[in-house]
Amino acid sequence: MGKSVSEQAADLVMTGARVRLGRGLWAGAVAIRRGRIVALGNDASSVRHLIGRRTRVIHAPGGMVIPGFQDSHIHAPFAGRERLRLDLHIMTGRHAYLDAIASYAATHPSEPWILGGGWSTDHFSGGIPRKEDLDAVVPDRPVFLFNRDLHRAWVNSRALEAAGITRDTPDPADGRIERDPVTGDPSGMLHEGAAYRVNDRIVPSPTRQEWEAAILHAQNYLHSLGVTGWQDAWVTADTQAAYEALAAQGRLTARVVGALWWDRYQGLSQIPELLERRERGLSVVSPTGHLGSGFYPTSVKIMTDGVLENFTGALLQPYCSGCGGHCADRGLTYVDQELLTAAATELDALGFQIHLHAIGDRAVRNSLDALASAQASNGNTGRRHHIAHVQVVQPQDVVRFARLGVVANCQAFWARSTPEMDEMTIPILGPERARMQYPFGDLFASGAKLAMGSDWAVTTANPLEQLEVAVTRISPKNRDQASFIPSQRLRLDDALDAFTSGSAYVNHDDQAGQIAVGRRADLVLLDTDICEPGFATLDAAPLADVRVRLTVSSGSIVHDDEA
């Protein structure tokens, strides 16, 4: 084997590691020049003629070269901002949270608000943190901290006062103010729309420079994990401006698709503004844009429901109650079906890709129905619409993804046993619906296209940790636990394709996701050959232990673990 496009010296040559070209297809060497793959060969001798005085040669026996990972659902600016502020993701337990909050407040005395996030509900009684804990460590300033899934916020009394929230404040239609069961006073947690209103209207907004710093910080971290491109699932006007500035300056080394945020309060009247934002974004010329890096605001993100744990995920049948029966609550739909259908049809006709958040089975069905109506009106436009999260999916809806050409945008790391899953989610779903969670295996078997997204900073951004859970349905930190719904495990080749070519497909990046001569050079060098027979099986796949040695984006080395 030996394929090349010219005889000029390469910029980078990798040998010794197996190069994955596709399922069961391998090379032993790869050469890169001017941002593209110029040669593939069986071994080092087949590309030796492309090595010049300035060629960097990396010999990595036992390693593996794969296409760059792409993340199809991520919140990079918000995750980067949290990492630069008060980051609770790496903390465990209520006391650790409070110690970190107190320390941050003490070392940042001039900040008017204490902002950050990353706490988990399973470290609090009933999943509900209290304002009194925050008042004790930060009595002098407002505190506003999103939880890990960005659907709830923990606030202190000063924040409630700043927002004007009292016992007489009604719950918004799309959220809830947690209240003390005895006094009725706000107790310190805001759900969904209640949290978003405070964040959008009361909490001080970051400057464009702060957003730029957050994106660059996130980009560096993602490159270290082998991620070369992503779809940002929550692009506001402010984060779009920051992305555009970085792209114009040539500092955006990843290829980013922007999913413009659909304002649930505006309806169809916002579409002209979305069109203007798309055109403005696409007019920004990146110095390396011809190779692929840059910002492309070509998608629209619509939240159709919330999450199950706070009863805002939309279900076809009511939630189960603690006594084993059912309550009247079926959750919330943030966009009614008539408007969702009209929006999907018009956005599709205008050339937008539609990125839908759907957790509950009613939300998934509503999303599929809306996309089916758009297809009936407009024909198959090839926009590669996708539904993210797909937590609870009825069997009759699983097969509709392939029929409609809708991509299942999977968050693989969620499909494992956790205290929140075992103690909060499964009891309110009941055993039958609990078994319908994250049906990745059934979706793949039905012919659906799978893409993979981390939803970082909700959970880990590390594709290798996510890949391990996709294959085993077991947490990498607790490998002796039972597999979570093991019938839905994916084989390694299938999961790896979803993390590379599947996510590149949903991102309309036809130059990525596969290693071939002439394609853009987005590559990752792993220190381990994860496809070596016996390394990764459905029962044991220590993929989270694998290290990314090198990340190449558009031909440039953007992460070198040995530098």
Protein backbone atom coordinates (compact mmCIF):
# COMPACT_ATOMS: atom_id res chain seq x y z
CA MET A 1 0.00 0.00 0.00
CA GLY A 2 1.27 3.47 -0.83
CA LYS A 3 -0.89 6.46 -1.78
CA SER A 4 0.33 10.03 -2.20
CA VAL A 5 -0.57 13.21 -4.07
CA SER A 6 2.92 14.61 -4.76
CA GLU A 7 6.59 14.15 -3.98
CA GLN A 8 7.20 17.41 -2.07
CA ALA A 9 8.46 17.11 1.51
CA ALA A 10 5.82 16.68 4.18
CA ASP A 11 5.42 18.90 7.25
CA LEU A 12 4.61 15.96 9.53
CA VAL A 13 5.04 12.20 9.21
CA MET A 14 3.76 9.63 11.69
CA THR A 15 4.98 6.05 11.61
CA GLY A 16 4.92 3.00 13.86
CA ALA A 17 1.32 3.45 14.98
CA ARG A 18 -1.58 1.81 13.19
CA VAL A 19 -3.63 4.33 11.22
CA ARG A 20 -7.37 3.62 11.20
CA LEU A 21 -8.80 4.33 7.75
CA GLY A 22 -12.17 2.75 8.46
CA ARG A 23 -13.68 -0.42 9.82
CA GLY A 24 -11.06 -3.11 9.25
CA LEU A 25 -8.93 -0.84 7.04
CA TRP A 26 -5.46 0.16 8.20
CA ALA A 27 -2.28 1.92 7.17
CA GLY A 28 1.08 2.05 8.91
CA ALA A 29 2.19 5.59 8.10
CA VAL A 30 0.68 8.99 7.29
CA ALA A 31 2.19 12.17 5.87
CA ILE A 32 0.75 15.70 6.11
CA ARG A 33 1.56 18.85 4.17
CA ARG A 34 -0.11 22.27 4.12
CA GLY A 35 -3.02 21.10 6.20
CA ARG A 36 -3.91 17.99 4.22
CA ILE A 37 -3.11 14.30 4.21
CA VAL A 38 -0.74 13.75 1.27
CA ALA A 39 0.27 10.11 1.70
CA LEU A 40 -0.64 6.87 3.42
CA GLY A 41 1.57 3.82 3.44
CA ASN A 42 2.04 0.38 4.91
CA ASP A 43 5.12 1.34 6.90
CA ALA A 44 7.80 3.99 7.35
CA SER A 45 9.59 3.02 4.15
CA SER A 46 6.55 3.94 2.07
CA VAL A 47 6.67 7.61 3.13
CA ARG A 48 10.43 7.99 3.61
CA HIS A 49 10.74 9.88 0.32
CA LEU A 50 8.47 12.62 1.78
CA ILE A 51 10.76 13.32 4.73
CA GLY A 52 12.80 16.49 4.28
CA ARG A 53 15.07 18.60 6.46
CA ARG A 54 12.13 20.38 8.10
CA THR A 55 9.76 17.42 8.34
CA ARG A 56 8.80 16.45 11.85
CA VAL A 57 8.78 12.68 12.21
CA ILE A 58 6.96 10.95 15.04
CA HIS A 59 7.53 7.23 15.49
CA ALA A 60 4.91 5.75 17.81
CA PRO A 61 4.98 1.94 17.91
CA GLY A 62 2.02 0.54 19.81
CA GLY A 63 0.00 3.70 19.25
CA MET A 64 -2.95 4.42 17.01
CA VAL A 65 -3.89 7.28 14.69
CA ILE A 66 -7.58 8.08 14.31
CA PRO A 67 -9.57 10.99 12.86
CA GLY A 68 -9.95 13.95 15.17
CA PHE A 69 -12.85 13.61 17.57
CA GLN A 70 -15.78 15.91 16.93
CA ASP A 71 -18.28 16.84 19.63
CA SER A 72 -21.83 17.24 18.35
CA HIS A 73 -23.29 18.88 21.47
CA ILE A 74 -21.18 21.02 23.78
CA HIS A 75 -21.24 24.32 25.68
CA ALA A 76 -17.61 25.37 25.25
CA PRO A 77 -17.87 29.09 26.18
CA PHE A 78 -19.86 28.36 29.35
CA ALA A 79 -17.58 25.47 30.32
CA GLY A 80 -14.49 27.58 29.73
CA ARG A 81 -15.98 30.41 31.76
CA GLU A 82 -16.67 28.07 34.68
CA ARG A 83 -13.12 26.71 34.58
CA LEU A 84 -11.86 30.30 34.83
CA ARG A 85 -14.23 31.13 37.68
CA LEU A 86 -15.54 28.94 40.49
CA ASP A 87 -15.46 25.38 39.12
CA LEU A 88 -17.17 22.79 41.32
CA HIS A 89 -17.08 19.92 38.80
CA ILE A 90 -14.06 18.25 40.38
CA MET A 91 -15.44 18.61 43.92
CA THR A 92 -17.36 15.87 45.70
CA GLY A 93 -19.85 16.60 48.47
CA ARG A 94 -21.62 19.51 50.09
CA HIS A 95 -18.78 20.38 52.46
CA ALA A 96 -16.22 20.40 49.63
CA TYR A 97 -18.47 22.73 47.66
CA LEU A 98 -18.86 25.15 50.53
CA ASP A 99 -15.12 25.16 51.29
CA ALA A 100 -14.37 25.96 47.65
CA ILE A 101 -17.01 28.70 47.52
CA ALA A 102 -15.71 30.30 50.72
CA SER A 103 -12.12 30.15 49.47
CA TYR A 104 -13.03 31.67 46.10
CA ALA A 105 -14.97 34.50 47.73
CA ALA A 106 -12.07 35.23 50.08
CA THR A 107 -9.54 35.40 47.24
CA HIS A 108 -11.79 37.48 44.96
CA PRO A 109 -13.01 40.26 47.29
CA SER A 110 -13.68 42.75 44.48
CA GLU A 111 -16.05 40.56 42.44
CA PRO A 112 -19.61 41.87 42.90
CA TRP A 113 -21.16 38.41 42.34
CA ILE A 114 -19.75 34.96 43.06
CA LEU A 115 -20.40 33.03 39.84
CA GLY A 116 -19.56 29.53 38.67
CA GLY A 117 -21.10 26.11 38.68
CA GLY A 118 -20.72 22.36 38.45
CA TRP A 119 -22.41 21.12 41.63
CA SER A 120 -24.37 17.88 41.59
CA THR A 121 -27.81 17.34 43.10
CA ASP A 122 -26.93 13.93 44.52
CA HIS A 123 -24.83 15.57 47.25
CA PHE A 124 -27.86 17.21 48.86
CA SER A 125 -30.81 15.79 50.76
CA GLY A 126 -33.62 15.29 48.29
CA GLY A 127 -31.41 16.80 45.61
CA ILE A 128 -32.15 20.31 46.94
CA PRO A 129 -29.40 22.67 48.17
CA ARG A 130 -30.31 25.47 50.60
CA LYS A 131 -29.61 29.21 50.57
CA GLU A 132 -28.61 29.12 54.24
CA ASP A 133 -25.44 27.17 53.40
CA LEU A 134 -24.38 29.84 50.94
CA ASP A 135 -25.39 32.65 53.28
CA ALA A 136 -23.04 31.24 55.91
CA VAL A 137 -19.97 31.37 53.64
CA VAL A 138 -20.85 34.39 51.46
CA PRO A 139 -23.15 36.73 53.40
CA ASP A 140 -22.10 39.98 51.69
CA ARG A 141 -22.60 39.35 47.94
CA PRO A 142 -24.99 37.51 45.64
CA VAL A 143 -24.04 33.93 44.72
CA PHE A 144 -25.37 32.26 41.55
CA LEU A 145 -24.14 28.76 40.70
CA PHE A 146 -25.55 26.60 37.91
CA ASN A 147 -25.59 22.88 38.57
CA ARG A 148 -23.83 20.44 36.24
CA ASP A 149 -26.72 20.04 33.80
CA LEU A 150 -27.39 23.82 33.58
CA HIS A 151 -31.07 23.28 34.40
CA ARG A 152 -30.92 24.44 38.02
CA ALA A 153 -29.16 27.17 39.98
CA TRP A 154 -28.14 27.38 43.65
CA VAL A 155 -28.47 30.92 45.01
CA ASN A 156 -28.07 32.71 48.32
CA SER A 157 -30.37 35.25 49.95
CA ARG A 158 -28.54 38.21 48.41
CA ALA A 159 -29.12 36.80 44.92
CA LEU A 160 -32.81 36.26 45.64
CA GLU A 161 -33.05 39.84 46.88
CA ALA A 162 -31.28 41.18 43.77
CA ALA A 163 -33.76 39.28 41.58
CA GLY A 164 -36.75 40.42 43.64
CA ILE A 165 -37.83 36.83 44.35
CA THR A 166 -39.99 36.43 47.45
CA ARG A 167 -42.62 34.01 48.73
CA ASP A 168 -45.17 35.98 46.69
CA THR A 169 -43.29 35.60 43.39
CA PRO A 170 -45.17 33.15 41.17
CA ASP A 171 -43.39 30.33 39.38
CA PRO A 172 -42.74 31.10 35.70
CA ALA A 173 -44.58 28.93 33.18
CA ASP A 174 -41.31 27.27 32.16
CA GLY A 175 -39.72 26.75 35.56
CA ARG A 176 -40.06 26.61 39.30
CA ILE A 177 -38.82 28.40 42.41
CA GLU A 178 -37.96 25.84 45.08
CA ARG A 179 -39.70 26.81 48.34
CA ASP A 180 -39.43 25.89 51.99
CA PRO A 181 -42.23 23.40 52.70
CA VAL A 182 -43.07 25.12 56.01
CA THR A 183 -42.68 28.85 55.36
CA GLY A 184 -43.17 29.02 51.60
CA ASP A 185 -40.09 31.23 51.28
CA PRO A 186 -37.69 30.64 48.37
CA SER A 187 -35.23 28.07 49.69
CA GLY A 188 -32.27 28.65 47.39
CA MET A 189 -32.76 26.60 44.21
CA LEU A 190 -34.19 27.82 40.91
CA HIS A 191 -35.32 25.43 38.18
CA GLU A 192 -35.24 25.96 34.41
CA GLY A 193 -36.84 29.28 33.36
CA ALA A 194 -36.64 30.65 36.89
CA ALA A 195 -32.84 30.19 36.79
CA TYR A 196 -32.45 31.40 33.21
CA ARG A 197 -34.36 34.65 33.89
CA VAL A 198 -32.06 35.54 36.76
CA ASN A 199 -28.98 34.60 34.74
CA ASP A 200 -30.09 36.59 31.69
CA ARG A 201 -31.58 39.64 33.39
CA ILE A 202 -29.89 40.08 36.77
CA VAL A 203 -26.46 38.40 36.79
CA PRO A 204 -23.75 40.66 35.29
CA SER A 205 -22.93 39.60 31.73
CA PRO A 206 -19.35 38.71 30.76
CA THR A 207 -17.57 41.12 28.44
CA ARG A 208 -16.60 40.04 24.94
CA GLN A 209 -12.99 39.76 26.08
CA GLU A 210 -14.07 37.44 28.89
CA TRP A 211 -16.03 35.28 26.44
CA GLU A 212 -13.02 35.14 24.11
CA ALA A 213 -10.78 34.04 26.99
CA ALA A 214 -13.34 31.39 27.98
CA ILE A 215 -13.52 29.99 24.44
CA LEU A 216 -9.73 29.89 24.07
CA HIS A 217 -9.39 28.16 27.42
CA ALA A 218 -12.02 25.60 26.40
CA GLN A 219 -10.40 25.12 23.00
CA ASN A 220 -6.99 24.36 24.52
CA TYR A 221 -8.54 21.85 26.86
CA LEU A 222 -10.58 20.17 24.12
CA HIS A 223 -7.53 19.93 21.84
CA SER A 224 -5.69 18.17 24.68
CA LEU A 225 -8.45 15.54 24.57
CA GLY A 226 -8.20 15.06 20.81
CA VAL A 227 -11.21 17.20 19.87
CA THR A 228 -10.72 19.13 16.62
CA GLY A 229 -14.26 20.38 16.03
CA TRP A 230 -17.59 20.78 17.76
CA GLN A 231 -21.15 22.03 17.57
CA ASP A 232 -21.87 24.66 20.20
CA ALA A 233 -25.38 23.92 21.40
CA TRP A 234 -26.10 27.30 23.01
CA VAL A 235 -24.84 30.25 20.94
CA THR A 236 -26.03 33.61 22.18
CA ALA A 237 -25.40 36.94 20.47
CA ASP A 238 -22.54 37.56 22.90
CA THR A 239 -20.80 34.21 22.43
CA GLN A 240 -21.28 34.49 18.66
CA ALA A 241 -19.47 37.84 18.66
CA ALA A 242 -16.59 36.26 20.58
CA TYR A 243 -16.36 33.31 18.20
CA GLU A 244 -16.39 35.64 15.20
CA ALA A 245 -13.62 37.78 16.65
CA LEU A 246 -11.43 34.75 17.33
CA ALA A 247 -12.09 33.34 13.86
CA ALA A 248 -11.17 36.65 12.19
CA GLN A 249 -7.94 36.77 14.21
CA GLY A 250 -7.03 33.20 13.26
CA ARG A 251 -7.10 32.07 16.89
CA LEU A 252 -10.00 29.66 16.45
CA THR A 253 -8.07 26.52 15.52
CA ALA A 254 -11.09 24.23 15.76
CA ARG A 255 -13.97 24.02 13.30
CA VAL A 256 -17.07 25.17 15.21
CA VAL A 257 -20.68 24.95 14.09
CA GLY A 258 -22.86 27.37 16.03
CA ALA A 259 -26.40 26.38 17.02
CA LEU A 260 -28.13 29.73 17.46
CA TRP A 261 -30.33 29.77 20.54
CA TRP A 262 -34.09 29.71 19.89
CA ASP A 263 -35.78 32.12 22.29
CA ARG A 264 -38.85 30.26 23.53
CA TYR A 265 -40.61 33.55 24.31
CA GLN A 266 -40.42 35.08 20.82
CA GLY A 267 -41.85 32.53 18.41
CA LEU A 268 -41.47 32.82 14.63
CA SER A 269 -40.77 36.56 14.81
CA GLN A 270 -37.12 35.84 15.71
CA ILE A 271 -36.35 34.07 12.42
CA PRO A 272 -35.27 37.23 10.51
CA GLU A 273 -32.75 37.96 13.26
CA LEU A 274 -31.44 34.37 13.07
CA LEU A 275 -31.00 34.77 9.32
CA GLU A 276 -29.08 38.01 9.82
CA ARG A 277 -26.86 36.39 12.43
CA ARG A 278 -26.13 33.47 10.11
CA GLU A 279 -25.19 35.72 7.23
CA ARG A 280 -22.99 37.90 9.43
CA GLY A 281 -21.22 34.87 10.86
CA LEU A 282 -20.57 33.28 7.49
CA SER A 283 -19.12 36.53 6.20
CA VAL A 284 -16.25 36.39 8.71
CA VAL A 285 -13.12 35.25 6.91
CA SER A 286 -10.74 33.12 8.95
CA PRO A 287 -7.08 33.08 7.84
CA THR A 288 -7.29 29.25 7.83
CA GLY A 289 -10.95 28.98 6.89
CA HIS A 290 -10.16 27.40 3.54
CA LEU A 291 -9.02 24.34 5.46
CA GLY A 292 -12.03 24.19 7.75
CA SER A 293 -11.25 25.90 11.04
CA GLY A 294 -13.53 28.80 11.85
CA PHE A 295 -17.09 29.51 12.97
CA TYR A 296 -20.20 28.49 11.05
CA PRO A 297 -23.54 29.58 12.65
CA THR A 298 -25.73 27.36 10.48
CA SER A 299 -27.83 25.53 13.08
CA VAL A 300 -30.67 26.55 15.41
CA LYS A 301 -31.02 24.98 18.87
CA ILE A 302 -34.58 24.47 20.19
CA MET A 303 -35.18 23.28 23.76
CA THR A 304 -38.38 21.22 23.68
CA ASP A 305 -38.39 20.13 27.34
CA GLY A 306 -36.29 20.13 30.50
CA VAL A 307 -34.86 17.22 32.50
CA LEU A 308 -36.49 14.34 34.35
CA GLU A 309 -35.02 14.90 37.79
CA ASN A 310 -36.96 18.13 38.36
CA PHE A 311 -40.08 16.88 36.55
CA THR A 312 -39.62 19.19 33.55
CA GLY A 313 -38.79 16.46 31.04
CA ALA A 314 -41.89 15.89 28.86
CA LEU A 315 -43.39 12.39 29.23
CA LEU A 316 -46.27 10.75 27.39
CA GLN A 317 -47.60 9.32 30.65
CA PRO A 318 -47.39 10.90 34.13
CA TYR A 319 -44.38 10.60 36.38
CA CYS A 320 -44.47 7.90 39.02
CA SER A 321 -45.09 9.05 42.58
CA GLY A 322 -43.19 7.91 45.65
CA CYS A 323 -45.95 5.49 46.65
CA GLY A 324 -45.66 3.50 43.45
CA GLY A 325 -48.61 5.06 41.65
CA HIS A 326 -48.63 8.00 39.27
CA CYS A 327 -49.06 11.73 39.77
CA ALA A 328 -50.76 14.08 37.32
CA ASP A 329 -47.50 15.69 36.17
CA ARG A 330 -46.30 14.85 32.63
CA GLY A 331 -43.57 17.49 32.59
CA LEU A 332 -43.20 20.62 30.48
CA THR A 333 -43.01 21.32 26.77
CA TYR A 334 -41.27 24.62 26.18
CA VAL A 335 -42.50 25.03 22.61
CA ASP A 336 -46.07 23.93 21.86
CA GLN A 337 -46.47 21.44 19.04
CA GLU A 338 -48.07 23.80 16.54
CA LEU A 339 -45.29 26.37 16.94
CA LEU A 340 -42.59 23.67 16.94
CA THR A 341 -43.90 22.30 13.65
CA ALA A 342 -44.14 25.76 12.08
CA ALA A 343 -40.64 26.67 13.27
CA ALA A 344 -39.12 23.41 12.00
CA THR A 345 -40.77 23.80 8.61
CA GLU A 346 -39.67 27.40 8.12
CA LEU A 347 -36.14 26.93 9.45
CA ASP A 348 -35.66 23.86 7.27
CA ALA A 349 -36.90 25.75 4.19
CA LEU A 350 -34.45 28.58 4.95
CA GLY A 351 -31.49 26.22 5.04
CA PHE A 352 -30.95 25.92 8.79
CA GLN A 353 -30.05 22.68 10.47
CA ILE A 354 -32.33 22.06 13.48
CA HIS A 355 -30.77 20.86 16.73
CA LEU A 356 -33.45 19.74 19.20
CA HIS A 357 -33.12 19.05 22.93
CA ALA A 358 -35.45 16.18 23.84
CA ILE A 359 -35.19 14.22 27.09
CA GLY A 360 -38.62 12.64 27.69
CA ASP A 361 -40.50 10.33 25.32
CA ARG A 362 -43.13 13.01 24.62
CA ALA A 363 -40.41 15.51 23.70
CA VAL A 364 -38.74 12.97 21.39
CA ARG A 365 -42.04 12.18 19.68
CA ASN A 366 -42.94 15.87 19.34
CA SER A 367 -39.54 16.54 17.78
CA LEU A 368 -39.85 13.67 15.31
CA ASP A 369 -43.39 14.76 14.42
CA ALA A 370 -42.22 18.32 13.76
CA LEU A 371 -39.35 17.16 11.54
CA ALA A 372 -41.67 14.77 9.69
CA SER A 373 -44.03 17.68 8.97
CA ALA A 374 -41.11 19.80 7.73
CA GLN A 375 -40.06 16.98 5.43
CA ALA A 376 -43.62 16.56 4.13
CA SER A 377 -43.75 20.28 3.30
CA ASN A 378 -40.22 20.83 1.99
CA GLY A 379 -39.04 17.42 0.84
CA ASN A 380 -35.79 15.87 2.03
CA THR A 381 -33.52 18.92 2.18
CA GLY A 382 -30.47 17.10 3.55
CA ARG A 383 -30.02 19.45 6.50
CA ARG A 384 -28.95 16.59 8.81
CA HIS A 385 -31.34 17.60 11.60
CA HIS A 386 -30.60 15.96 14.93
CA ILE A 387 -32.23 15.28 18.28
CA ALA A 388 -29.96 15.47 21.30
CA HIS A 389 -30.09 13.45 24.53
CA VAL A 390 -32.82 10.92 23.52
CA GLN A 391 -33.05 9.72 27.10
CA VAL A 392 -36.45 8.00 26.99
CA VAL A 393 -37.57 6.79 23.57
CA GLN A 394 -40.58 4.60 22.86
CA PRO A 395 -39.79 1.57 20.63
CA GLN A 396 -42.13 2.80 17.88
CA ASP A 397 -40.18 6.06 17.76
CA VAL A 398 -36.73 4.42 17.65
CA VAL A 399 -37.30 3.27 14.07
CA ARG A 400 -38.46 6.71 12.92
CA PHE A 401 -34.96 8.23 13.16
CA ALA A 402 -33.65 6.23 10.21
CA ARG A 403 -36.87 6.61 8.22
CA LEU A 404 -36.75 10.40 8.55
CA GLY A 405 -32.98 10.72 8.23
CA VAL A 406 -32.79 12.30 11.69
CA VAL A 407 -29.48 11.89 13.51
CA ALA A 408 -29.56 10.62 17.10
CA ASN A 409 -27.21 12.94 18.99
CA CYS A 410 -26.15 10.75 21.92
CA GLN A 411 -24.56 11.76 25.22
CA ALA A 412 -22.94 8.40 25.94
CA PHE A 413 -21.50 9.26 29.35
CA TRP A 414 -25.01 9.60 30.79
CA ALA A 415 -25.83 5.94 30.10
CA ARG A 416 -24.44 4.51 33.33
CA SER A 417 -25.52 3.90 36.89
CA THR A 418 -25.07 6.92 39.17
CA PRO A 419 -26.66 7.90 42.48
CA GLU A 420 -28.82 10.43 40.63
CA MET A 421 -29.96 7.78 38.14
CA ASP A 422 -30.61 5.11 40.75
CA GLU A 423 -32.15 7.27 43.48
CA MET A 424 -33.91 10.04 41.57
CA THR A 425 -34.52 9.15 37.92
CA ILE A 426 -35.52 5.48 37.91
CA PRO A 427 -38.09 5.85 40.77
CA ILE A 428 -39.96 8.64 38.94
CA LEU A 429 -39.89 6.80 35.62
CA GLY A 430 -40.87 3.37 36.87
CA PRO A 431 -39.26 0.11 35.70
CA GLU A 432 -40.77 -0.08 32.20
CA ARG A 433 -39.77 3.40 31.09
CA ALA A 434 -36.42 3.15 32.89
CA ARG A 435 -35.51 0.30 30.54
CA MET A 436 -36.12 2.62 27.54
CA GLN A 437 -33.32 4.98 28.50
CA TYR A 438 -30.56 5.83 26.05
CA PRO A 439 -31.41 3.14 23.47
CA PHE A 440 -28.21 3.62 21.48
CA GLY A 441 -27.97 -0.04 20.50
CA ASP A 442 -31.54 -0.16 19.21
CA LEU A 443 -31.10 3.12 17.33
CA PHE A 444 -27.97 1.82 15.62
CA ALA A 445 -29.58 -1.52 14.79
CA SER A 446 -32.54 0.28 13.23
CA GLY A 447 -30.22 2.07 10.81
CA ALA A 448 -30.15 5.46 12.51
CA LYS A 449 -27.08 7.63 12.12
CA LEU A 450 -25.42 8.22 15.50
CA ALA A 451 -23.39 11.26 16.52
CA MET A 452 -21.77 11.75 19.90
CA GLY A 453 -21.66 14.87 22.05
CA SER A 454 -20.39 15.39 25.58
CA ASP A 455 -22.75 18.18 26.71
CA TRP A 456 -19.67 19.49 28.53
CA ALA A 457 -19.59 20.97 31.13
CA VAL A 458 -22.61 18.89 32.18
CA THR A 459 -20.34 15.84 32.10
CA THR A 460 -16.79 15.07 30.99
CA ALA A 461 -15.48 16.43 27.70
CA ASN A 462 -13.07 13.47 27.35
CA PRO A 463 -14.15 11.41 24.32
CA LEU A 464 -12.26 8.36 25.57
CA GLU A 465 -14.20 8.32 28.84
CA GLN A 466 -17.44 8.70 26.88
CA LEU A 467 -16.34 5.98 24.47
CA GLU A 468 -15.78 3.55 27.33
CA VAL A 469 -19.32 4.10 28.62
CA ALA A 470 -20.77 3.75 25.11
CA VAL A 471 -19.14 0.33 24.85
CA THR A 472 -19.67 -0.98 28.39
CA ARG A 473 -22.46 1.17 29.94
CA ILE A 474 -20.28 1.17 33.06
CA SER A 475 -18.62 4.15 34.75
CA PRO A 476 -14.82 4.25 34.23
CA LYS A 477 -14.52 5.18 37.90
CA ASN A 478 -16.48 2.14 39.07
CA ARG A 479 -15.70 -0.66 36.65
CA ASP A 480 -16.95 -3.40 38.96
CA GLN A 481 -20.55 -2.15 38.81
CA ALA A 482 -23.21 -3.81 36.68
CA SER A 483 -23.71 -2.62 33.11
CA PHE A 484 -26.61 -0.18 32.75
CA ILE A 485 -29.13 -1.73 30.32
CA PRO A 486 -26.40 -3.85 28.67
CA SER A 487 -28.55 -4.63 25.62
CA GLN A 488 -27.91 -1.04 24.47
CA ARG A 489 -24.10 -1.28 24.43
CA LEU A 490 -22.30 -0.35 21.21
CA ARG A 491 -19.39 -2.24 19.72
CA LEU A 492 -16.14 -0.30 19.70
CA ASP A 493 -16.04 0.22 15.93
CA ASP A 494 -19.61 1.54 15.93
CA ALA A 495 -19.01 3.86 18.88
CA LEU A 496 -15.71 5.12 17.45
CA ASP A 497 -17.39 5.91 14.14
CA ALA A 498 -20.10 7.86 15.98
CA PHE A 499 -17.46 9.96 17.78
CA THR A 500 -15.62 10.74 14.53
CA SER A 501 -17.45 10.36 11.22
CA GLY A 502 -20.90 10.49 12.85
CA SER A 503 -20.30 13.82 14.55
CA ALA A 504 -18.49 15.17 11.49
CA TYR A 505 -21.57 14.22 9.46
CA VAL A 506 -23.94 16.11 11.73
CA ASN A 507 -21.55 19.08 11.63
CA HIS A 508 -21.64 19.07 7.80
CA ASP A 509 -17.88 18.59 7.82
CA ASP A 510 -17.29 16.25 4.90
CA GLN A 511 -13.52 16.78 5.05
CA ALA A 512 -13.26 15.23 8.51
CA GLY A 513 -14.20 12.00 10.23
CA GLN A 514 -12.10 9.76 8.00
CA ILE A 515 -8.42 9.51 7.15
CA ALA A 516 -7.83 9.59 3.38
CA VAL A 517 -5.39 11.20 0.97
CA GLY A 518 -6.53 14.70 0.05
CA ARG A 519 -8.66 15.23 3.14
CA ARG A 520 -8.05 17.88 5.76
CA ALA A 521 -5.56 16.65 8.34
CA ASP A 522 -7.56 16.45 11.58
CA LEU A 523 -5.87 13.59 13.41
CA VAL A 524 -5.27 12.22 16.89
CA LEU A 525 -2.37 10.03 17.98
CA LEU A 526 -3.28 7.78 20.91
CA ASP A 527 -0.63 6.09 23.03
CA THR A 528 -2.51 2.77 22.79
CA ASP A 529 -3.96 0.76 19.93
CA ILE A 530 -7.51 0.57 21.23
CA CYS A 531 -8.59 -1.67 18.34
CA GLU A 532 -6.03 -4.35 19.16
CA PRO A 533 -7.97 -7.63 19.56
CA GLY A 534 -9.06 -8.13 23.16
CA PHE A 535 -8.35 -4.59 24.36
CA ALA A 536 -11.96 -3.40 24.31
CA THR A 537 -14.90 -5.76 24.70
CA LEU A 538 -18.50 -5.16 25.75
CA ASP A 539 -17.58 -6.32 29.26
CA ALA A 540 -14.28 -4.50 29.74
CA ALA A 541 -12.85 -1.59 27.77
CA PRO A 542 -10.35 0.56 29.69
CA LEU A 543 -10.54 3.33 27.13
CA ALA A 544 -10.54 6.10 29.72
CA ASP A 545 -6.98 5.11 30.62
CA VAL A 546 -5.71 5.84 27.12
CA ARG A 547 -3.73 9.06 26.61
CA VAL A 548 -3.84 11.51 23.71
CA ARG A 549 -0.25 12.11 22.64
CA LEU A 550 -0.82 14.47 19.75
CA THR A 551 -3.72 16.41 18.22
CA VAL A 552 -3.51 17.81 14.70
CA SER A 553 -6.14 20.29 13.46
CA SER A 554 -6.05 21.45 9.83
CA GLY A 555 -2.50 20.14 9.64
CA SER A 556 -1.22 22.11 12.64
CA ILE A 557 -0.21 20.51 15.91
CA VAL A 558 -2.54 22.02 18.49
CA HIS A 559 -1.64 19.66 21.34
CA ASP A 560 1.60 17.80 21.99
CA ASP A 561 1.67 15.84 25.21
CA GLU A 562 5.45 15.64 25.12
CA ALA A 563 6.15 19.28 24.31
